[in-house]
Amino acid sequence: MKRILLLLFLLLTLSNSFAQVVKGRVFDENKQPLPGANIYFDGTTIATISDENGNFTLSYGSKLNSILAISFIGYQTQFLNNFNSDKELIIYLKIATNSLNEVVIKKDRFSRKQKLQLFREQFLGRTATAKKAKILNEDDIYFDYDEATKTLKAYSDKPLLIKNDLLGYKITYELVDFEANFYQLSIESTHVQRCFYAGLTRFEEVNSDKKIIKLREECYKGSQLHFFRTIASKSWEKENFRLYVGRLPVNPLQHFLITNDKGNTKVQVKKQTQQLTKSVAIFSVLYKEKLQSKMILETESFYIDKYGINSNIEYIVFSGYMSDQKVGEMLPVNYGIE
């Protein structure tokens, strides 16, 4: 799991945060241009496609702490973060190999239908909004259930295509990892002990009428994205968040040191707050006096960019409301920010 997280998240640095335009060309291994390649920043609607000569230009806001992905059907997606935006990027994509050939699918007592239902619930979510989201290419998903460890894993060599009509987005999700562990030998969501998934996401806005805009705002309020932006802006009361240590409400600024570091927000857990355990600190978070979450910090500090992306996501664990929001309620990280 840590290896996957390192692939996706530890690539994030602050070195390229001031650039606003990236230009380049996309080729195959034979140095032939690839027209129609997708170039996007992970988790955003900031994207473009290459022209008939493989050329692309992508404008984006400054201080974006996200991975740049270059993808084309049938080719391996390339991920970039430490690039010089003053120079043209020359990208060569390799033909994709079918990694599923290396996965040995064992027979078990659960049907594909049961596994697919579990995957939908744990990946898209179980709320009324999440249940309306649809994975258009479910046949590309493969499952492996290990009865000895009571663990379900899911794989796909093709990006998952998700249609979310309620939120007005088409989502392309490159699944890197999915693992659900159960308390007992089961395939029911009620018996899930822990579920982890990771991947890269591209959002395309397909509708933005007033009803959709209202529902997006409802999904945003109280979300992790909203929460990290609140930490960075120190606007806890205005944004209706409250922080607790145990059962006692506390002043967040007595536990977090918030400073500006080259245009990003640096958050440090104060020494008097830290614990003598694996977890640096454990907090409860309440939104609007009713939506409760628990935040476990396994790092003494992290950075937040202007979008609300934090740099140490693998060391910040949530349970409760903020962990219940899945891909079916996910918004692009540039939501609400020009």
C-alpha atoms as a PDB file:
ATOM      1  CA  MET A   1       0.000   0.000   0.000  1.00  0.00           C
ATOM      2  CA  LYS A   2       2.796   2.433   0.920  1.00  0.00           C
ATOM      3  CA  ARG A   3       4.426   1.756  -2.453  1.00  0.00           C
ATOM      4  CA  ILE A   4       1.252   2.783  -4.274  1.00  0.00           C
ATOM      5  CA  LEU A   5       0.900   5.889  -2.146  1.00  0.00           C
ATOM      6  CA  LEU A   6       4.473   6.858  -2.829  1.00  0.00           C
ATOM      7  CA  LEU A   7       3.752   6.573  -6.548  1.00  0.00           C
ATOM      8  CA  LEU A   8       0.739   8.848  -6.330  1.00  0.00           C
ATOM      9  CA  PHE A   9       1.417  11.312  -3.588  1.00  0.00           C
ATOM     10  CA  LEU A  10       5.050  11.611  -2.607  1.00  0.00           C
ATOM     11  CA  LEU A  11       5.731  12.947  -6.076  1.00  0.00           C
ATOM     12  CA  LEU A  12       4.136  16.165  -4.924  1.00  0.00           C
ATOM     13  CA  THR A  13       6.646  18.954  -4.316  1.00  0.00           C
ATOM     14  CA  LEU A  14       6.469  22.697  -4.131  1.00  0.00           C
ATOM     15  CA  SER A  15       9.152  23.461  -6.694  1.00  0.00           C
ATOM     16  CA  ASN A  16       6.999  24.141  -9.745  1.00  0.00           C
ATOM     17  CA  SER A  17       4.194  25.989  -8.033  1.00  0.00           C
ATOM     18  CA  PHE A  18       4.713  29.371  -9.666  1.00  0.00           C
ATOM     19  CA  ALA A  19       4.269  28.369 -13.339  1.00  0.00           C
ATOM     20  CA  GLN A  20       0.972  29.018 -15.092  1.00  0.00           C
ATOM     21  CA  VAL A  21       1.400  27.503 -18.572  1.00  0.00           C
ATOM     22  CA  VAL A  22       2.885  24.196 -19.668  1.00  0.00           C
ATOM     23  CA  LYS A  23       3.598  23.401 -23.332  1.00  0.00           C
ATOM     24  CA  GLY A  24       4.816  20.233 -24.998  1.00  0.00           C
ATOM     25  CA  ARG A  25       4.494  17.486 -27.607  1.00  0.00           C
ATOM     26  CA  VAL A  26       3.383  13.873 -27.251  1.00  0.00           C
ATOM     27  CA  PHE A  27       4.920  11.041 -29.306  1.00  0.00           C
ATOM     28  CA  ASP A  28       4.839   7.263 -29.389  1.00  0.00           C
ATOM     29  CA  GLU A  29       7.970   5.119 -29.059  1.00  0.00           C
ATOM     30  CA  ASN A  30       8.620   5.488 -32.793  1.00  0.00           C
ATOM     31  CA  LYS A  31       8.664   9.282 -32.429  1.00  0.00           C
ATOM     32  CA  GLN A  32       5.349   9.612 -34.261  1.00  0.00           C
ATOM     33  CA  PRO A  33       2.992  12.362 -32.960  1.00  0.00           C
ATOM     34  CA  LEU A  34      -0.005  11.212 -30.920  1.00  0.00           C
ATOM     35  CA  PRO A  35      -2.989  13.459 -31.713  1.00  0.00           C
ATOM     36  CA  GLY A  36      -5.817  13.390 -29.189  1.00  0.00           C
ATOM     37  CA  ALA A  37      -3.680  12.509 -26.149  1.00  0.00           C
ATOM     38  CA  ASN A  38      -5.140  13.681 -22.840  1.00  0.00           C
ATOM     39  CA  ILE A  39      -3.076  16.047 -20.719  1.00  0.00           C
ATOM     40  CA  TYR A  40      -4.537  16.914 -17.318  1.00  0.00           C
ATOM     41  CA  PHE A  41      -3.761  17.730 -13.709  1.00  0.00           C
ATOM     42  CA  ASP A  42      -4.878  14.957 -11.382  1.00  0.00           C
ATOM     43  CA  GLY A  43      -8.177  15.589  -9.623  1.00  0.00           C
ATOM     44  CA  THR A  44      -9.085  18.701 -11.600  1.00  0.00           C
ATOM     45  CA  THR A  45     -11.003  19.922 -14.638  1.00  0.00           C
ATOM     46  CA  ILE A  46      -7.748  21.504 -15.895  1.00  0.00           C
ATOM     47  CA  ALA A  47      -7.105  19.526 -19.070  1.00  0.00           C
ATOM     48  CA  THR A  48      -6.472  19.668 -22.791  1.00  0.00           C
ATOM     49  CA  ILE A  49      -5.752  17.339 -25.723  1.00  0.00           C
ATOM     50  CA  SER A  50      -2.866  17.273 -28.172  1.00  0.00           C
ATOM     51  CA  ASP A  51      -3.428  18.462 -31.753  1.00  0.00           C
ATOM     52  CA  GLU A  52      -2.712  16.601 -34.993  1.00  0.00           C
ATOM     53  CA  ASN A  53       1.017  17.163 -34.484  1.00  0.00           C
ATOM     54  CA  GLY A  54       1.007  16.079 -30.849  1.00  0.00           C
ATOM     55  CA  ASN A  55       1.330  19.675 -29.604  1.00  0.00           C
ATOM     56  CA  PHE A  56      -0.449  20.915 -26.499  1.00  0.00           C
ATOM     57  CA  THR A  57      -0.690  24.026 -24.345  1.00  0.00           C
ATOM     58  CA  LEU A  58      -2.256  23.878 -20.900  1.00  0.00           C
ATOM     59  CA  SER A  59      -2.935  26.942 -18.762  1.00  0.00           C
ATOM     60  CA  TYR A  60      -3.407  26.524 -15.033  1.00  0.00           C
ATOM     61  CA  GLY A  61      -3.474  28.592 -11.877  1.00  0.00           C
ATOM     62  CA  SER A  62      -0.316  29.179  -9.928  1.00  0.00           C
ATOM     63  CA  LYS A  63       0.638  27.056  -6.896  1.00  0.00           C
ATOM     64  CA  LEU A  64      -1.124  23.900  -8.100  1.00  0.00           C
ATOM     65  CA  ASN A  65       0.204  20.955  -6.091  1.00  0.00           C
ATOM     66  CA  SER A  66      -1.013  18.222  -8.456  1.00  0.00           C
ATOM     67  CA  ILE A  67       0.477  15.599 -10.763  1.00  0.00           C
ATOM     68  CA  LEU A  68       0.434  16.236 -14.517  1.00  0.00           C
ATOM     69  CA  ALA A  69      -0.807  13.136 -16.348  1.00  0.00           C
ATOM     70  CA  ILE A  70      -0.413  12.367 -20.061  1.00  0.00           C
ATOM     71  CA  SER A  71      -2.555   9.496 -21.335  1.00  0.00           C
ATOM     72  CA  PHE A  72      -3.597   7.886 -24.598  1.00  0.00           C
ATOM     73  CA  ILE A  73      -5.696   4.764 -25.163  1.00  0.00           C
ATOM     74  CA  GLY A  74      -3.485   1.697 -25.478  1.00  0.00           C
ATOM     75  CA  TYR A  75      -0.450   3.436 -23.971  1.00  0.00           C
ATOM     76  CA  GLN A  76       0.973   3.683 -20.464  1.00  0.00           C
ATOM     77  CA  THR A  77       0.028   6.916 -18.708  1.00  0.00           C
ATOM     78  CA  GLN A  78       3.003   9.091 -17.819  1.00  0.00           C
ATOM     79  CA  PHE A  79       3.076  11.165 -14.619  1.00  0.00           C
ATOM     80  CA  LEU A  80       5.094  14.351 -14.181  1.00  0.00           C
ATOM     81  CA  ASN A  81       5.613  16.777 -11.351  1.00  0.00           C
ATOM     82  CA  ASN A  82       9.187  18.066 -11.421  1.00  0.00           C
ATOM     83  CA  PHE A  83       9.125  19.690 -14.831  1.00  0.00           C
ATOM     84  CA  ASN A  84      10.431  23.029 -16.028  1.00  0.00           C
ATOM     85  CA  SER A  85       7.512  24.988 -17.440  1.00  0.00           C
ATOM     86  CA  ASP A  86       9.921  27.338 -19.220  1.00  0.00           C
ATOM     87  CA  LYS A  87      10.906  24.500 -21.545  1.00  0.00           C
ATOM     88  CA  GLU A  88       8.767  22.518 -23.970  1.00  0.00           C
ATOM     89  CA  LEU A  89       7.952  19.061 -22.631  1.00  0.00           C
ATOM     90  CA  ILE A  90       8.732  16.178 -24.970  1.00  0.00           C
ATOM     91  CA  ILE A  91       6.695  13.137 -23.950  1.00  0.00           C
ATOM     92  CA  TYR A  92       7.152   9.603 -25.279  1.00  0.00           C
ATOM     93  CA  LEU A  93       4.406   7.126 -24.358  1.00  0.00           C
ATOM     94  CA  LYS A  94       5.021   3.389 -24.282  1.00  0.00           C
ATOM     95  CA  ILE A  95       2.501   0.809 -25.477  1.00  0.00           C
ATOM     96  CA  ALA A  96       0.601  -0.575 -22.485  1.00  0.00           C
ATOM     97  CA  THR A  97       1.099  -4.177 -21.423  1.00  0.00           C
ATOM     98  CA  ASN A  98      -1.770  -6.125 -19.916  1.00  0.00           C
ATOM     99  CA  SER A  99      -0.821  -6.349 -16.261  1.00  0.00           C
ATOM    100  CA  LEU A 100      -3.903  -8.447 -15.539  1.00  0.00           C
ATOM    101  CA  ASN A 101      -2.113 -11.344 -17.181  1.00  0.00           C
ATOM    102  CA  GLU A 102       0.131 -11.364 -14.116  1.00  0.00           C
ATOM    103  CA  VAL A 103      -2.808 -11.531 -11.698  1.00  0.00           C
ATOM    104  CA  VAL A 104      -3.845 -15.060 -10.753  1.00  0.00           C
ATOM    105  CA  ILE A 105      -7.576 -14.979 -10.047  1.00  0.00           C
ATOM    106  CA  LYS A 106      -8.460 -17.654  -7.491  1.00  0.00           C
ATOM    107  CA  LYS A 107     -11.854 -19.271  -7.222  1.00  0.00           C
ATOM    108  CA  ASP A 108     -13.861 -18.360  -4.155  1.00  0.00           C
ATOM    109  CA  ARG A 109     -17.385 -18.602  -2.804  1.00  0.00           C
ATOM    110  CA  PHE A 110     -18.563 -15.145  -3.912  1.00  0.00           C
ATOM    111  CA  SER A 111     -20.022 -14.283  -7.312  1.00  0.00           C
ATOM    112  CA  ARG A 112     -18.820 -11.489  -9.599  1.00  0.00           C
ATOM    113  CA  LYS A 113     -22.196  -9.811  -9.090  1.00  0.00           C
ATOM    114  CA  GLN A 114     -21.617  -9.678  -5.322  1.00  0.00           C
ATOM    115  CA  LYS A 115     -18.067  -8.341  -5.727  1.00  0.00           C
ATOM    116  CA  LEU A 116     -19.196  -5.700  -8.201  1.00  0.00           C
ATOM    117  CA  GLN A 117     -21.916  -4.534  -5.811  1.00  0.00           C
ATOM    118  CA  LEU A 118     -19.379  -4.244  -2.998  1.00  0.00           C
ATOM    119  CA  PHE A 119     -17.010  -2.323  -5.280  1.00  0.00           C
ATOM    120  CA  ARG A 120     -19.738   0.152  -6.254  1.00  0.00           C
ATOM    121  CA  GLU A 121     -20.641   0.790  -2.611  1.00  0.00           C
ATOM    122  CA  GLN A 122     -17.059   1.228  -1.402  1.00  0.00           C
ATOM    123  CA  PHE A 123     -15.736   3.101  -4.445  1.00  0.00           C
ATOM    124  CA  LEU A 124     -18.673   5.287  -5.518  1.00  0.00           C
ATOM    125  CA  GLY A 125     -20.386   5.434  -2.129  1.00  0.00           C
ATOM    126  CA  ARG A 126     -23.752   4.550  -0.620  1.00  0.00           C
ATOM    127  CA  THR A 127     -25.425   7.955  -0.348  1.00  0.00           C
ATOM    128  CA  ALA A 128     -28.395   8.864  -2.548  1.00  0.00           C
ATOM    129  CA  THR A 129     -26.127  11.091  -4.662  1.00  0.00           C
ATOM    130  CA  ALA A 130     -23.376   8.485  -5.006  1.00  0.00           C
ATOM    131  CA  LYS A 131     -25.813   5.741  -6.032  1.00  0.00           C
ATOM    132  CA  LYS A 132     -26.789   7.779  -9.100  1.00  0.00           C
ATOM    133  CA  ALA A 133     -23.213   7.747 -10.421  1.00  0.00           C
ATOM    134  CA  LYS A 134     -22.552   4.982 -12.959  1.00  0.00           C
ATOM    135  CA  ILE A 135     -19.385   3.172 -14.034  1.00  0.00           C
ATOM    136  CA  LEU A 136     -19.848   2.779 -17.784  1.00  0.00           C
ATOM    137  CA  ASN A 137     -17.211   0.077 -18.326  1.00  0.00           C
ATOM    138  CA  GLU A 138     -17.694  -2.297 -15.392  1.00  0.00           C
ATOM    139  CA  ASP A 139     -16.720  -5.260 -17.595  1.00  0.00           C
ATOM    140  CA  ASP A 140     -13.107  -3.999 -17.480  1.00  0.00           C
ATOM    141  CA  ILE A 141     -12.921  -4.567 -13.710  1.00  0.00           C
ATOM    142  CA  TYR A 142     -11.444  -7.814 -12.377  1.00  0.00           C
ATOM    143  CA  PHE A 143     -11.628  -9.070  -8.810  1.00  0.00           C
ATOM    144  CA  ASP A 144      -9.586 -11.322  -6.552  1.00  0.00           C
ATOM    145  CA  TYR A 145     -10.864 -12.416  -3.130  1.00  0.00           C
ATOM    146  CA  ASP A 146      -8.341 -13.943  -0.743  1.00  0.00           C
ATOM    147  CA  GLU A 147     -10.349 -15.985   1.762  1.00  0.00           C
ATOM    148  CA  ALA A 148      -7.325 -16.496   4.030  1.00  0.00           C
ATOM    149  CA  THR A 149      -6.942 -12.746   4.628  1.00  0.00           C
ATOM    150  CA  LYS A 150     -10.610 -11.854   3.944  1.00  0.00           C
ATOM    151  CA  THR A 151      -9.493  -9.275   1.393  1.00  0.00           C
ATOM    152  CA  LEU A 152     -11.048  -8.222  -1.903  1.00  0.00           C
ATOM    153  CA  LYS A 153      -8.851  -6.562  -4.525  1.00  0.00           C
ATOM    154  CA  ALA A 154      -9.991  -4.932  -7.776  1.00  0.00           C
ATOM    155  CA  TYR A 155      -7.993  -4.286 -10.953  1.00  0.00           C
ATOM    156  CA  SER A 156      -8.513  -2.590 -14.305  1.00  0.00           C
ATOM    157  CA  ASP A 157      -6.059  -2.025 -17.137  1.00  0.00           C
ATOM    158  CA  LYS A 158      -8.388   0.559 -18.648  1.00  0.00           C
ATOM    159  CA  PRO A 159      -9.459   3.829 -16.982  1.00  0.00           C
ATOM    160  CA  LEU A 160     -12.860   3.631 -15.313  1.00  0.00           C
ATOM    161  CA  LEU A 161     -15.365   5.873 -17.077  1.00  0.00           C
ATOM    162  CA  ILE A 162     -17.811   7.336 -14.576  1.00  0.00           C
ATOM    163  CA  LYS A 163     -20.937   9.287 -15.457  1.00  0.00           C
ATOM    164  CA  ASN A 164     -22.214  11.485 -12.653  1.00  0.00           C
ATOM    165  CA  ASP A 165     -25.306  13.250 -13.968  1.00  0.00           C
ATOM    166  CA  LEU A 166     -26.335  14.699 -10.596  1.00  0.00           C
ATOM    167  CA  LEU A 167     -23.060  16.615 -10.252  1.00  0.00           C
ATOM    168  CA  GLY A 168     -22.657  17.270 -13.985  1.00  0.00           C
ATOM    169  CA  TYR A 169     -19.306  15.531 -14.439  1.00  0.00           C
ATOM    170  CA  LYS A 170     -17.793  12.840 -16.582  1.00  0.00           C
ATOM    171  CA  ILE A 171     -14.900  11.304 -14.628  1.00  0.00           C
ATOM    172  CA  THR A 172     -11.995   9.279 -15.950  1.00  0.00           C
ATOM    173  CA  TYR A 173     -10.418   7.340 -13.081  1.00  0.00           C
ATOM    174  CA  GLU A 174      -7.181   5.384 -13.555  1.00  0.00           C
ATOM    175  CA  LEU A 175      -7.457   2.772 -10.825  1.00  0.00           C
ATOM    176  CA  VAL A 176      -4.082   2.009  -9.262  1.00  0.00           C
ATOM    177  CA  ASP A 177      -5.233   0.141  -6.181  1.00  0.00           C
ATOM    178  CA  PHE A 178      -8.435  -1.075  -4.519  1.00  0.00           C
ATOM    179  CA  GLU A 179      -8.463  -3.218  -1.403  1.00  0.00           C
ATOM    180  CA  ALA A 180     -11.287  -3.983   1.006  1.00  0.00           C
ATOM    181  CA  ASN A 181     -10.628  -5.930   4.223  1.00  0.00           C
ATOM    182  CA  PHE A 182     -13.465  -7.619   6.126  1.00  0.00           C
ATOM    183  CA  TYR A 183     -14.028  -8.436   9.796  1.00  0.00           C
ATOM    184  CA  GLN A 184     -15.262 -11.881   8.779  1.00  0.00           C
ATOM    185  CA  LEU A 185     -15.483 -13.996   5.650  1.00  0.00           C
ATOM    186  CA  SER A 186     -18.021 -11.827   3.860  1.00  0.00           C
ATOM    187  CA  ILE A 187     -18.673  -9.652   0.833  1.00  0.00           C
ATOM    188  CA  GLU A 188     -21.068  -7.259   2.598  1.00  0.00           C
ATOM    189  CA  SER A 189     -20.306  -3.568   3.129  1.00  0.00           C
ATOM    190  CA  THR A 190     -21.502  -3.849   6.736  1.00  0.00           C
ATOM    191  CA  HIS A 191     -18.561  -6.196   7.409  1.00  0.00           C
ATOM    192  CA  VAL A 192     -15.871  -3.998   5.854  1.00  0.00           C
ATOM    193  CA  GLN A 193     -13.127  -3.251   8.359  1.00  0.00           C
ATOM    194  CA  ARG A 194     -11.115  -0.994   6.101  1.00  0.00           C
ATOM    195  CA  CYS A 195     -11.236   0.045   2.437  1.00  0.00           C
ATOM    196  CA  PHE A 196      -8.482   1.759   0.513  1.00  0.00           C
ATOM    197  CA  TYR A 197      -8.396   2.895  -3.109  1.00  0.00           C
ATOM    198  CA  ALA A 198      -6.027   5.100  -5.076  1.00  0.00           C
ATOM    199  CA  GLY A 199      -5.829   6.438  -8.609  1.00  0.00           C
ATOM    200  CA  LEU A 200      -5.667   9.480 -10.833  1.00  0.00           C
ATOM    201  CA  THR A 201      -8.756  11.415 -11.777  1.00  0.00           C
ATOM    202  CA  ARG A 202      -9.771  13.682 -14.624  1.00  0.00           C
ATOM    203  CA  PHE A 203     -13.010  15.661 -14.453  1.00  0.00           C
ATOM    204  CA  GLU A 204     -14.943  16.955 -17.457  1.00  0.00           C
ATOM    205  CA  GLU A 205     -17.871  19.276 -16.827  1.00  0.00           C
ATOM    206  CA  VAL A 206     -20.865  18.248 -18.928  1.00  0.00           C
ATOM    207  CA  ASN A 207     -23.646  20.206 -17.213  1.00  0.00           C
ATOM    208  CA  SER A 208     -23.857  23.136 -14.810  1.00  0.00           C
ATOM    209  CA  ASP A 209     -27.488  24.153 -14.376  1.00  0.00           C
ATOM    210  CA  LYS A 210     -28.702  25.727 -11.139  1.00  0.00           C
ATOM    211  CA  LYS A 211     -29.829  22.428  -9.593  1.00  0.00           C
ATOM    212  CA  ILE A 212     -26.439  20.840 -10.237  1.00  0.00           C
ATOM    213  CA  ILE A 213     -24.545  23.852  -8.862  1.00  0.00           C
ATOM    214  CA  LYS A 214     -26.608  23.665  -5.675  1.00  0.00           C
ATOM    215  CA  LEU A 215     -25.926  19.945  -5.241  1.00  0.00           C
ATOM    216  CA  ARG A 216     -22.191  20.447  -5.827  1.00  0.00           C
ATOM    217  CA  GLU A 217     -22.152  23.007  -3.033  1.00  0.00           C
ATOM    218  CA  GLU A 218     -23.929  20.549  -0.729  1.00  0.00           C
ATOM    219  CA  CYS A 219     -21.276  17.910  -1.475  1.00  0.00           C
ATOM    220  CA  TYR A 220     -18.490  20.432  -0.902  1.00  0.00           C
ATOM    221  CA  LYS A 221     -19.699  21.633   2.493  1.00  0.00           C
ATOM    222  CA  GLY A 222     -18.073  19.578   5.211  1.00  0.00           C
ATOM    223  CA  SER A 223     -15.848  17.662   2.781  1.00  0.00           C
ATOM    224  CA  GLN A 224     -12.100  17.088   3.141  1.00  0.00           C
ATOM    225  CA  LEU A 225     -11.498  19.711   0.450  1.00  0.00           C
ATOM    226  CA  HIS A 226     -13.569  22.242   2.402  1.00  0.00           C
ATOM    227  CA  PHE A 227     -11.817  21.261   5.633  1.00  0.00           C
ATOM    228  CA  PHE A 228      -8.252  21.729   4.359  1.00  0.00           C
ATOM    229  CA  ARG A 229      -9.131  25.072   2.798  1.00  0.00           C
ATOM    230  CA  THR A 230     -10.552  26.072   6.189  1.00  0.00           C
ATOM    231  CA  ILE A 231      -7.306  25.116   7.954  1.00  0.00           C
ATOM    232  CA  ALA A 232      -5.297  27.182   5.459  1.00  0.00           C
ATOM    233  CA  SER A 233      -7.541  30.243   5.766  1.00  0.00           C
ATOM    234  CA  LYS A 234      -7.939  29.906   9.560  1.00  0.00           C
ATOM    235  CA  SER A 235     -11.659  30.560   9.076  1.00  0.00           C
ATOM    236  CA  TRP A 236     -13.013  27.811  11.352  1.00  0.00           C
ATOM    237  CA  GLU A 237     -15.953  29.726  12.796  1.00  0.00           C
ATOM    238  CA  LYS A 238     -16.975  31.270   9.476  1.00  0.00           C
ATOM    239  CA  GLU A 239     -16.915  27.860   7.745  1.00  0.00           C
ATOM    240  CA  ASN A 240     -18.790  26.143  10.606  1.00  0.00           C
ATOM    241  CA  PHE A 241     -16.033  23.704  11.603  1.00  0.00           C
ATOM    242  CA  ARG A 242     -15.155  22.943  15.232  1.00  0.00           C
ATOM    243  CA  LEU A 243     -12.130  21.042  16.515  1.00  0.00           C
ATOM    244  CA  TYR A 244     -12.159  18.728  19.538  1.00  0.00           C
ATOM    245  CA  VAL A 245      -9.502  16.934  21.568  1.00  0.00           C
ATOM    246  CA  GLY A 246     -11.363  14.085  23.200  1.00  0.00           C
ATOM    247  CA  ARG A 247     -14.729  15.564  24.109  1.00  0.00           C
ATOM    248  CA  LEU A 248     -13.445  19.080  24.681  1.00  0.00           C
ATOM    249  CA  PRO A 249     -13.762  21.826  22.038  1.00  0.00           C
ATOM    250  CA  VAL A 250     -10.438  23.570  21.452  1.00  0.00           C
ATOM    251  CA  ASN A 251      -9.044  26.562  19.630  1.00  0.00           C
ATOM    252  CA  PRO A 252      -7.364  25.173  16.454  1.00  0.00           C
ATOM    253  CA  LEU A 253      -4.690  27.880  16.546  1.00  0.00           C
ATOM    254  CA  GLN A 254      -3.523  26.543  19.922  1.00  0.00           C
ATOM    255  CA  HIS A 255      -2.773  23.204  18.263  1.00  0.00           C
ATOM    256  CA  PHE A 256      -1.717  24.173  14.733  1.00  0.00           C
ATOM    257  CA  LEU A 257       0.969  26.642  13.709  1.00  0.00           C
ATOM    258  CA  ILE A 258      -0.099  28.117  10.346  1.00  0.00           C
ATOM    259  CA  THR A 259       2.535  29.915   8.265  1.00  0.00           C
ATOM    260  CA  ASN A 260       3.098  30.928   4.652  1.00  0.00           C
ATOM    261  CA  ASP A 261       5.903  29.121   2.839  1.00  0.00           C
ATOM    262  CA  LYS A 262       6.569  30.319  -0.727  1.00  0.00           C
ATOM    263  CA  GLY A 263       2.883  30.823  -1.449  1.00  0.00           C
ATOM    264  CA  ASN A 264       1.733  27.574   0.170  1.00  0.00           C
ATOM    265  CA  THR A 265       0.331  27.126   3.673  1.00  0.00           C
ATOM    266  CA  LYS A 266       2.525  25.166   6.068  1.00  0.00           C
ATOM    267  CA  VAL A 267       0.696  23.461   8.946  1.00  0.00           C
ATOM    268  CA  GLN A 268       2.664  22.246  11.956  1.00  0.00           C
ATOM    269  CA  VAL A 269       1.263  20.337  14.911  1.00  0.00           C
ATOM    270  CA  LYS A 270       2.473  22.139  18.013  1.00  0.00           C
ATOM    271  CA  LYS A 271       4.738  20.182  20.344  1.00  0.00           C
ATOM    272  CA  GLN A 272       2.367  20.318  23.300  1.00  0.00           C
ATOM    273  CA  THR A 273      -0.310  18.639  21.153  1.00  0.00           C
ATOM    274  CA  GLN A 274       1.806  15.718  19.949  1.00  0.00           C
ATOM    275  CA  GLN A 275       1.365  12.266  21.430  1.00  0.00           C
ATOM    276  CA  LEU A 276       3.933   9.646  22.418  1.00  0.00           C
ATOM    277  CA  THR A 277       2.439   7.099  20.022  1.00  0.00           C
ATOM    278  CA  LYS A 278       2.548   6.270  16.319  1.00  0.00           C
ATOM    279  CA  SER A 279      -0.109   8.921  15.795  1.00  0.00           C
ATOM    280  CA  VAL A 280       1.217  12.450  16.214  1.00  0.00           C
ATOM    281  CA  ALA A 281      -2.250  13.740  17.108  1.00  0.00           C
ATOM    282  CA  ILE A 282      -5.904  12.683  17.048  1.00  0.00           C
ATOM    283  CA  PHE A 283      -8.722  15.200  16.672  1.00  0.00           C
ATOM    284  CA  SER A 284     -12.477  15.112  16.259  1.00  0.00           C
ATOM    285  CA  VAL A 285     -13.968  17.493  13.703  1.00  0.00           C
ATOM    286  CA  LEU A 286     -17.555  18.680  13.764  1.00  0.00           C
ATOM    287  CA  TYR A 287     -19.227  20.472  10.882  1.00  0.00           C
ATOM    288  CA  LYS A 288     -22.395  22.495  11.533  1.00  0.00           C
ATOM    289  CA  GLU A 289     -22.736  20.755  14.926  1.00  0.00           C
ATOM    290  CA  LYS A 290     -23.912  17.516  13.290  1.00  0.00           C
ATOM    291  CA  LEU A 291     -21.445  15.975  10.804  1.00  0.00           C
ATOM    292  CA  GLN A 292     -18.681  14.318  12.807  1.00  0.00           C
ATOM    293  CA  SER A 293     -15.296  13.024  11.647  1.00  0.00           C
ATOM    294  CA  LYS A 294     -12.091  11.859  13.281  1.00  0.00           C
ATOM    295  CA  MET A 295      -8.690  12.954  11.968  1.00  0.00           C
ATOM    296  CA  ILE A 296      -5.570  10.949  12.791  1.00  0.00           C
ATOM    297  CA  LEU A 297      -2.312  12.737  11.998  1.00  0.00           C
ATOM    298  CA  GLU A 298       0.792  10.599  11.549  1.00  0.00           C
ATOM    299  CA  THR A 299       2.916  13.573  10.510  1.00  0.00           C
ATOM    300  CA  GLU A 300       4.109  16.631  12.404  1.00  0.00           C
ATOM    301  CA  SER A 301       3.601  18.963   9.454  1.00  0.00           C
ATOM    302  CA  PHE A 302       2.061  19.218   5.990  1.00  0.00           C
ATOM    303  CA  TYR A 303       1.484  21.784   3.253  1.00  0.00           C
ATOM    304  CA  ILE A 304      -1.772  22.987   1.682  1.00  0.00           C
ATOM    305  CA  ASP A 305      -1.867  24.747  -1.679  1.00  0.00           C
ATOM    306  CA  LYS A 306      -4.474  27.316  -2.700  1.00  0.00           C
ATOM    307  CA  TYR A 307      -6.804  24.587  -3.997  1.00  0.00           C
ATOM    308  CA  GLY A 308      -6.856  22.712  -0.696  1.00  0.00           C
ATOM    309  CA  ILE A 309      -4.541  19.886  -1.804  1.00  0.00           C
ATOM    310  CA  ASN A 310      -2.311  18.715   1.030  1.00  0.00           C
ATOM    311  CA  SER A 311       1.144  17.236   0.591  1.00  0.00           C
ATOM    312  CA  ASN A 312       1.042  14.421   3.174  1.00  0.00           C
ATOM    313  CA  ILE A 313      -2.284  12.773   2.440  1.00  0.00           C
ATOM    314  CA  GLU A 314      -0.949   9.267   3.128  1.00  0.00           C
ATOM    315  CA  TYR A 315      -0.228  10.313   6.736  1.00  0.00           C
ATOM    316  CA  ILE A 316      -3.607  11.937   7.395  1.00  0.00           C
ATOM    317  CA  VAL A 317      -6.406   9.435   8.023  1.00  0.00           C
ATOM    318  CA  PHE A 318     -10.099  10.254   8.393  1.00  0.00           C
ATOM    319  CA  SER A 319     -13.030   8.284   9.707  1.00  0.00           C
ATOM    320  CA  GLY A 320     -16.655   9.303   9.992  1.00  0.00           C
ATOM    321  CA  TYR A 321     -18.372  11.722   7.629  1.00  0.00           C
ATOM    322  CA  MET A 322     -15.299  12.886   5.719  1.00  0.00           C
ATOM    323  CA  SER A 323     -14.266   9.300   4.965  1.00  0.00           C
ATOM    324  CA  ASP A 324     -17.798   8.300   3.915  1.00  0.00           C
ATOM    325  CA  GLN A 325     -17.682  10.619   0.900  1.00  0.00           C
ATOM    326  CA  LYS A 326     -16.500   8.507  -2.035  1.00  0.00           C
ATOM    327  CA  VAL A 327     -15.943   9.064  -5.767  1.00  0.00           C
ATOM    328  CA  GLY A 328     -19.697   9.430  -6.359  1.00  0.00           C
ATOM    329  CA  GLU A 329     -19.622  12.711  -4.409  1.00  0.00           C
ATOM    330  CA  MET A 330     -16.125  13.806  -5.396  1.00  0.00           C
ATOM    331  CA  LEU A 331     -15.552  17.287  -6.774  1.00  0.00           C
ATOM    332  CA  PRO A 332     -12.522  18.499  -8.730  1.00  0.00           C
ATOM    333  CA  VAL A 333      -9.938  20.086  -6.453  1.00  0.00           C
ATOM    334  CA  ASN A 334     -10.219  23.347  -8.388  1.00  0.00           C
ATOM    335  CA  TYR A 335     -13.929  23.525  -7.524  1.00  0.00           C
ATOM    336  CA  GLY A 336     -14.924  27.083  -6.682  1.00  0.00           C
ATOM    337  CA  ILE A 337     -11.500  28.521  -7.546  1.00  0.00           C
ATOM    338  CA  GLU A 338     -10.683  30.294 -10.794  1.00  0.00           C
END
